[in-house]
């Protein structure tokens, strides 16, 4: 639910809006939409089983061999 704002800010904003030309109003509207998207809370998505399927492009032929570092 959007927060309401006080008349102390609403009246000057409304007055400024009335003085802007049409193209500036469209730009202001686009910016307001951007801000809404920017501050929209997002859900953190958890990985699901098999989400990386098909992502591995190369695996060495000796992948299953024991490591020879010792």
PDB file of N, CA and C in Angstrom:
ATOM      1  N   UNK A   1       0.853  -1.175   0.000  1.00  0.00           N
ATOM      2  CA  UNK A   1       0.000   0.000   0.000  1.00  0.00           C
ATOM      3  C   UNK A   1       0.902   1.241   0.000  1.00  0.00           C
ATOM      4  N   UNK A   2       0.648   2.185  -0.889  1.00  0.00           N
ATOM      5  CA  UNK A   2       1.482   3.387  -0.929  1.00  0.00           C
ATOM      6  C   UNK A   2       1.280   4.250   0.307  1.00  0.00           C
ATOM      7  N   UNK A   3       2.354   4.908   0.696  1.00  0.00           N
ATOM      8  CA  UNK A   3       2.273   5.804   1.836  1.00  0.00           C
ATOM      9  C   UNK A   3       1.658   7.126   1.377  1.00  0.00           C
ATOM     10  N   UNK A   4       0.897   7.744   2.263  1.00  0.00           N
ATOM     11  CA  UNK A   4       0.355   9.063   1.956  1.00  0.00           C
ATOM     12  C   UNK A   4       1.347  10.110   2.415  1.00  0.00           C
ATOM     13  N   UNK A   5       1.321  11.261   1.783  1.00  0.00           N
ATOM     14  CA  UNK A   5       2.229  12.327   2.194  1.00  0.00           C
ATOM     15  C   UNK A   5       1.415  13.533   2.607  1.00  0.00           C
ATOM     16  N   UNK A   6       2.032  14.395   3.365  1.00  0.00           N
ATOM     17  CA  UNK A   6       1.321  15.519   3.963  1.00  0.00           C
ATOM     18  C   UNK A   6       1.037  16.596   2.931  1.00  0.00           C
ATOM     19  N   UNK A   7       0.107  17.469   3.264  1.00  0.00           N
ATOM     20  CA  UNK A   7      -0.263  18.573   2.388  1.00  0.00           C
ATOM     21  C   UNK A   7       0.870  19.582   2.253  1.00  0.00           C
ATOM     22  N   UNK A   8       1.796  19.583   3.198  1.00  0.00           N
ATOM     23  CA  UNK A   8       2.906  20.543   3.113  1.00  0.00           C
ATOM     24  C   UNK A   8       3.789  20.267   1.908  1.00  0.00           C
ATOM     25  N   UNK A   9       3.875  19.025   1.482  1.00  0.00           N
ATOM     26  CA  UNK A   9       4.644  18.706   0.281  1.00  0.00           C
ATOM     27  C   UNK A   9       3.736  18.565  -0.939  1.00  0.00           C
ATOM     28  N   UNK A  10       2.511  18.133  -0.736  1.00  0.00           N
ATOM     29  CA  UNK A  10       1.603  17.899  -1.861  1.00  0.00           C
ATOM     30  C   UNK A  10       1.247  19.198  -2.580  1.00  0.00           C
ATOM     31  N   UNK A  11       0.986  20.258  -1.857  1.00  0.00           N
ATOM     32  CA  UNK A  11       0.586  21.515  -2.500  1.00  0.00           C
ATOM     33  C   UNK A  11       1.682  22.119  -3.377  1.00  0.00           C
ATOM     34  N   UNK A  12       2.927  22.222  -2.913  1.00  0.00           N
ATOM     35  CA  UNK A  12       3.972  22.741  -3.804  1.00  0.00           C
ATOM     36  C   UNK A  12       4.243  21.839  -5.011  1.00  0.00           C
ATOM     37  N   UNK A  13       4.149  20.536  -4.807  1.00  0.00           N
ATOM     38  CA  UNK A  13       4.360  19.613  -5.926  1.00  0.00           C
ATOM     39  C   UNK A  13       3.254  19.792  -6.958  1.00  0.00           C
ATOM     40  N   UNK A  14       2.031  19.878  -6.510  1.00  0.00           N
ATOM     41  CA  UNK A  14       0.905  20.059  -7.422  1.00  0.00           C
ATOM     42  C   UNK A  14       1.030  21.390  -8.178  1.00  0.00           C
ATOM     43  N   UNK A  15       1.454  22.420  -7.512  1.00  0.00           N
ATOM     44  CA  UNK A  15       1.637  23.719  -8.170  1.00  0.00           C
ATOM     45  C   UNK A  15       2.728  23.638  -9.240  1.00  0.00           C
ATOM     46  N   UNK A  16       3.805  22.954  -8.933  1.00  0.00           N
ATOM     47  CA  UNK A  16       4.890  22.801  -9.901  1.00  0.00           C
ATOM     48  C   UNK A  16       4.437  21.963 -11.093  1.00  0.00           C
ATOM     49  N   UNK A  17       3.619  20.947 -10.856  1.00  0.00           N
ATOM     50  CA  UNK A  17       3.113  20.109 -11.938  1.00  0.00           C
ATOM     51  C   UNK A  17       2.260  20.910 -12.915  1.00  0.00           C
ATOM     52  N   UNK A  18       1.492  21.835 -12.396  1.00  0.00           N
ATOM     53  CA  UNK A  18       0.630  22.651 -13.252  1.00  0.00           C
ATOM     54  C   UNK A  18       1.421  23.570 -14.172  1.00  0.00           C
ATOM     55  N   UNK A  19       2.658  23.871 -13.820  1.00  0.00           N
ATOM     56  CA  UNK A  19       3.467  24.775 -14.624  1.00  0.00           C
ATOM     57  C   UNK A  19       4.342  24.050 -15.645  1.00  0.00           C
ATOM     58  N   UNK A  20       4.473  22.747 -15.540  1.00  0.00           N
ATOM     59  CA  UNK A  20       5.343  22.000 -16.446  1.00  0.00           C
ATOM     60  C   UNK A  20       4.684  21.790 -17.807  1.00  0.00           C
ATOM     61  N   UNK A  21       5.483  21.807 -18.883  1.00  0.00           N
ATOM     62  CA  UNK A  21       4.942  21.478 -20.206  1.00  0.00           C
ATOM     63  C   UNK A  21       4.651  19.971 -20.307  1.00  0.00           C
ATOM     64  N   UNK A  22       3.892  19.584 -21.312  1.00  0.00           N
ATOM     65  CA  UNK A  22       3.438  18.195 -21.452  1.00  0.00           C
ATOM     66  C   UNK A  22       4.606  17.204 -21.546  1.00  0.00           C
ATOM     67  N   UNK A  23       5.647  17.535 -22.323  1.00  0.00           N
ATOM     68  CA  UNK A  23       6.759  16.587 -22.451  1.00  0.00           C
ATOM     69  C   UNK A  23       7.499  16.411 -21.126  1.00  0.00           C
ATOM     70  N   UNK A  24       7.583  17.441 -20.317  1.00  0.00           N
ATOM     71  CA  UNK A  24       8.221  17.323 -19.004  1.00  0.00           C
ATOM     72  C   UNK A  24       7.356  16.484 -18.062  1.00  0.00           C
ATOM     73  N   UNK A  25       6.045  16.575 -18.201  1.00  0.00           N
ATOM     74  CA  UNK A  25       5.153  15.745 -17.373  1.00  0.00           C
ATOM     75  C   UNK A  25       5.342  14.268 -17.715  1.00  0.00           C
ATOM     76  N   UNK A  26       5.515  13.967 -19.003  1.00  0.00           N
ATOM     77  CA  UNK A  26       5.746  12.579 -19.403  1.00  0.00           C
ATOM     78  C   UNK A  26       7.070  12.074 -18.841  1.00  0.00           C
ATOM     79  N   UNK A  27       8.089  12.908 -18.869  1.00  0.00           N
ATOM     80  CA  UNK A  27       9.395  12.546 -18.315  1.00  0.00           C
ATOM     81  C   UNK A  27       9.302  12.325 -16.806  1.00  0.00           C
ATOM     82  N   UNK A  28       8.554  13.183 -16.143  1.00  0.00           N
ATOM     83  CA  UNK A  28       8.364  13.045 -14.699  1.00  0.00           C
ATOM     84  C   UNK A  28       7.615  11.755 -14.363  1.00  0.00           C
ATOM     85  N   UNK A  29       6.610  11.448 -15.172  1.00  0.00           N
ATOM     86  CA  UNK A  29       5.852  10.213 -14.970  1.00  0.00           C
ATOM     87  C   UNK A  29       6.761   8.989 -15.157  1.00  0.00           C
ATOM     88  N   UNK A  30       7.583   9.008 -16.194  1.00  0.00           N
ATOM     89  CA  UNK A  30       8.509   7.896 -16.432  1.00  0.00           C
ATOM     90  C   UNK A  30       9.473   7.729 -15.267  1.00  0.00           C
ATOM     91  N   UNK A  31       9.953   8.843 -14.731  1.00  0.00           N
ATOM     92  CA  UNK A  31      10.864   8.784 -13.596  1.00  0.00           C
ATOM     93  C   UNK A  31      10.157   8.229 -12.357  1.00  0.00           C
ATOM     94  N   UNK A  32       8.911   8.629 -12.156  1.00  0.00           N
ATOM     95  CA  UNK A  32       8.146   8.116 -11.009  1.00  0.00           C
ATOM     96  C   UNK A  32       7.946   6.605 -11.140  1.00  0.00           C
ATOM     97  N   UNK A  33       7.673   6.119 -12.353  1.00  0.00           N
ATOM     98  CA  UNK A  33       7.526   4.678 -12.572  1.00  0.00           C
ATOM     99  C   UNK A  33       8.849   3.958 -12.275  1.00  0.00           C
ATOM    100  N   UNK A  34       9.965   4.555 -12.689  1.00  0.00           N
ATOM    101  CA  UNK A  34      11.280   3.988 -12.406  1.00  0.00           C
ATOM    102  C   UNK A  34      11.512   3.884 -10.899  1.00  0.00           C
ATOM    103  N   UNK A  35      11.178   4.934 -10.172  1.00  0.00           N
ATOM    104  CA  UNK A  35      11.366   4.917  -8.719  1.00  0.00           C
ATOM    105  C   UNK A  35      10.496   3.856  -8.055  1.00  0.00           C
ATOM    106  N   UNK A  36       9.278   3.680  -8.552  1.00  0.00           N
ATOM    107  CA  UNK A  36       8.406   2.645  -7.998  1.00  0.00           C
ATOM    108  C   UNK A  36       9.014   1.259  -8.194  1.00  0.00           C
ATOM    109  N   UNK A  37       9.568   1.015  -9.374  1.00  0.00           N
ATOM    110  CA  UNK A  37      10.190  -0.278  -9.627  1.00  0.00           C
ATOM    111  C   UNK A  37      11.454  -0.464  -8.797  1.00  0.00           C
ATOM    112  N   UNK A  38      12.211   0.604  -8.642  1.00  0.00           N
ATOM    113  CA  UNK A  38      13.465   0.541  -7.902  1.00  0.00           C
ATOM    114  C   UNK A  38      13.232   0.213  -6.426  1.00  0.00           C
ATOM    115  N   UNK A  39      12.177   0.735  -5.852  1.00  0.00           N
ATOM    116  CA  UNK A  39      11.923   0.558  -4.420  1.00  0.00           C
ATOM    117  C   UNK A  39      10.900  -0.530  -4.126  1.00  0.00           C
ATOM    118  N   UNK A  40      10.509  -1.280  -5.150  1.00  0.00           N
ATOM    119  CA  UNK A  40       9.554  -2.362  -4.953  1.00  0.00           C
ATOM    120  C   UNK A  40      10.255  -3.513  -4.233  1.00  0.00           C
ATOM    121  N   UNK A  41       9.673  -4.010  -3.159  1.00  0.00           N
ATOM    122  CA  UNK A  41      10.310  -5.136  -2.464  1.00  0.00           C
ATOM    123  C   UNK A  41      10.284  -6.388  -3.345  1.00  0.00           C
ATOM    124  N   UNK A  42      11.379  -7.109  -3.368  1.00  0.00           N
ATOM    125  CA  UNK A  42      11.463  -8.315  -4.178  1.00  0.00           C
ATOM    126  C   UNK A  42      11.657  -9.526  -3.287  1.00  0.00           C
ATOM    127  N   UNK A  43      11.139 -10.650  -3.748  1.00  0.00           N
ATOM    128  CA  UNK A  43      11.323 -11.895  -3.014  1.00  0.00           C
ATOM    129  C   UNK A  43      12.637 -12.529  -3.454  1.00  0.00           C
ATOM    130  N   UNK A  44      13.368 -13.045  -2.498  1.00  0.00           N
ATOM    131  CA  UNK A  44      14.600 -13.740  -2.823  1.00  0.00           C
ATOM    132  C   UNK A  44      14.237 -15.133  -3.329  1.00  0.00           C
ATOM    133  N   UNK A  45      14.677 -15.433  -4.555  1.00  0.00           N
ATOM    134  CA  UNK A  45      14.365 -16.723  -5.151  1.00  0.00           C
ATOM    135  C   UNK A  45      15.426 -17.741  -4.759  1.00  0.00           C
ATOM    136  N   UNK A  46      14.968 -18.908  -4.348  1.00  0.00           N
ATOM    137  CA  UNK A  46      15.868 -19.980  -3.971  1.00  0.00           C
ATOM    138  C   UNK A  46      16.058 -20.895  -5.175  1.00  0.00           C
ATOM    139  N   UNK A  47      17.259 -21.422  -5.354  1.00  0.00           N
ATOM    140  CA  UNK A  47      17.478 -22.322  -6.477  1.00  0.00           C
ATOM    141  C   UNK A  47      16.649 -23.598  -6.331  1.00  0.00           C
ATOM    142  N   UNK A  48      16.211 -24.111  -7.440  1.00  0.00           N
ATOM    143  CA  UNK A  48      15.413 -25.338  -7.430  1.00  0.00           C
ATOM    144  C   UNK A  48      16.256 -26.483  -7.974  1.00  0.00           C
ATOM    145  N   UNK A  49      15.835 -27.700  -7.701  1.00  0.00           N
ATOM    146  CA  UNK A  49      16.557 -28.868  -8.158  1.00  0.00           C
ATOM    147  C   UNK A  49      16.621 -28.879  -9.682  1.00  0.00           C
ATOM    148  N   UNK A  50      17.817 -29.027 -10.222  1.00  0.00           N
ATOM    149  CA  UNK A  50      18.004 -29.108 -11.665  1.00  0.00           C
ATOM    150  C   UNK A  50      18.117 -27.765 -12.357  1.00  0.00           C
ATOM    151  N   UNK A  51      18.241 -26.692 -11.611  1.00  0.00           N
ATOM    152  CA  UNK A  51      18.270 -25.366 -12.236  1.00  0.00           C
ATOM    153  C   UNK A  51      19.534 -25.129 -13.058  1.00  0.00           C
ATOM    154  N   UNK A  52      20.592 -25.892 -12.827  1.00  0.00           N
ATOM    155  CA  UNK A  52      21.840 -25.728 -13.583  1.00  0.00           C
ATOM    156  C   UNK A  52      21.981 -26.748 -14.718  1.00  0.00           C
ATOM    157  N   UNK A  53      20.940 -27.528 -14.955  1.00  0.00           N
ATOM    158  CA  UNK A  53      20.996 -28.548 -15.997  1.00  0.00           C
ATOM    159  C   UNK A  53      21.277 -27.900 -17.347  1.00  0.00           C
ATOM    160  N   UNK A  54      22.256 -28.446 -18.048  1.00  0.00           N
ATOM    161  CA  UNK A  54      22.611 -27.936 -19.362  1.00  0.00           C
ATOM    162  C   UNK A  54      23.585 -26.767 -19.329  1.00  0.00           C
ATOM    163  N   UNK A  55      23.972 -26.297 -18.147  1.00  0.00           N
ATOM    164  CA  UNK A  55      24.864 -25.150 -18.040  1.00  0.00           C
ATOM    165  C   UNK A  55      26.335 -25.559 -18.147  1.00  0.00           C
ATOM    166  N   UNK A  56      26.672 -26.793 -17.779  1.00  0.00           N
ATOM    167  CA  UNK A  56      28.048 -27.251 -17.818  1.00  0.00           C
ATOM    168  C   UNK A  56      28.396 -27.616 -19.258  1.00  0.00           C
ATOM    169  N   UNK A  57      29.354 -26.920 -19.835  1.00  0.00           N
ATOM    170  CA  UNK A  57      29.707 -27.116 -21.242  1.00  0.00           C
ATOM    171  C   UNK A  57      30.879 -28.064 -21.425  1.00  0.00           C
ATOM    172  N   UNK A  58      31.771 -28.160 -20.447  1.00  0.00           N
ATOM    173  CA  UNK A  58      32.967 -28.981 -20.599  1.00  0.00           C
ATOM    174  C   UNK A  58      33.331 -29.618 -19.271  1.00  0.00           C
ATOM    175  N   UNK A  59      33.702 -30.911 -19.326  1.00  0.00           N
ATOM    176  CA  UNK A  59      34.212 -31.593 -18.150  1.00  0.00           C
ATOM    177  C   UNK A  59      35.418 -32.421 -18.595  1.00  0.00           C
ATOM    178  N   UNK A  60      36.490 -32.320 -17.868  1.00  0.00           N
ATOM    179  CA  UNK A  60      37.717 -33.029 -18.204  1.00  0.00           C
ATOM    180  C   UNK A  60      37.485 -34.534 -18.217  1.00  0.00           C
ATOM    181  N   UNK A  61      38.232 -35.227 -19.083  1.00  0.00           N
ATOM    182  CA  UNK A  61      38.096 -36.689 -19.171  1.00  0.00           C
ATOM    183  C   UNK A  61      38.516 -37.383 -17.879  1.00  0.00           C
ATOM    184  N   UNK A  62      39.449 -36.794 -17.126  1.00  0.00           N
ATOM    185  CA  UNK A  62      39.911 -37.418 -15.890  1.00  0.00           C
ATOM    186  C   UNK A  62      39.230 -36.817 -14.649  1.00  0.00           C
ATOM    187  N   UNK A  63      38.024 -36.351 -14.802  1.00  0.00           N
ATOM    188  CA  UNK A  63      37.300 -35.706 -13.703  1.00  0.00           C
ATOM    189  C   UNK A  63      37.139 -36.642 -12.502  1.00  0.00           C
ATOM    190  N   UNK A  64      36.833 -37.903 -12.745  1.00  0.00           N
ATOM    191  CA  UNK A  64      36.583 -38.858 -11.662  1.00  0.00           C
ATOM    192  C   UNK A  64      37.856 -39.522 -11.142  1.00  0.00           C
ATOM    193  N   UNK A  65      38.996 -39.229 -11.728  1.00  0.00           N
ATOM    194  CA  UNK A  65      40.256 -39.820 -11.273  1.00  0.00           C
ATOM    195  C   UNK A  65      40.699 -39.157  -9.974  1.00  0.00           C
ATOM    196  N   UNK A  66      41.439 -39.917  -9.130  1.00  0.00           N
ATOM    197  CA  UNK A  66      41.942 -39.320  -7.888  1.00  0.00           C
ATOM    198  C   UNK A  66      42.936 -38.202  -8.201  1.00  0.00           C
ATOM    199  N   UNK A  67      42.972 -37.224  -7.323  1.00  0.00           N
ATOM    200  CA  UNK A  67      43.917 -36.109  -7.483  1.00  0.00           C
ATOM    201  C   UNK A  67      45.330 -36.581  -7.191  1.00  0.00           C
ATOM    202  N   UNK A  68      46.292 -36.105  -7.952  1.00  0.00           N
ATOM    203  CA  UNK A  68      47.678 -36.574  -7.783  1.00  0.00           C
ATOM    204  C   UNK A  68      48.540 -35.504  -7.141  1.00  0.00           C
ATOM    205  N   UNK A  69      47.998 -34.793  -6.173  1.00  0.00           N
ATOM    206  CA  UNK A  69      48.770 -33.720  -5.539  1.00  0.00           C
ATOM    207  C   UNK A  69      49.579 -34.213  -4.355  1.00  0.00           C
ATOM    208  N   UNK A  70      49.419 -35.488  -3.945  1.00  0.00           N
ATOM    209  CA  UNK A  70      50.127 -35.992  -2.783  1.00  0.00           C
ATOM    210  C   UNK A  70      51.201 -36.961  -3.188  1.00  0.00           C
TER     211      UNK A  70
END
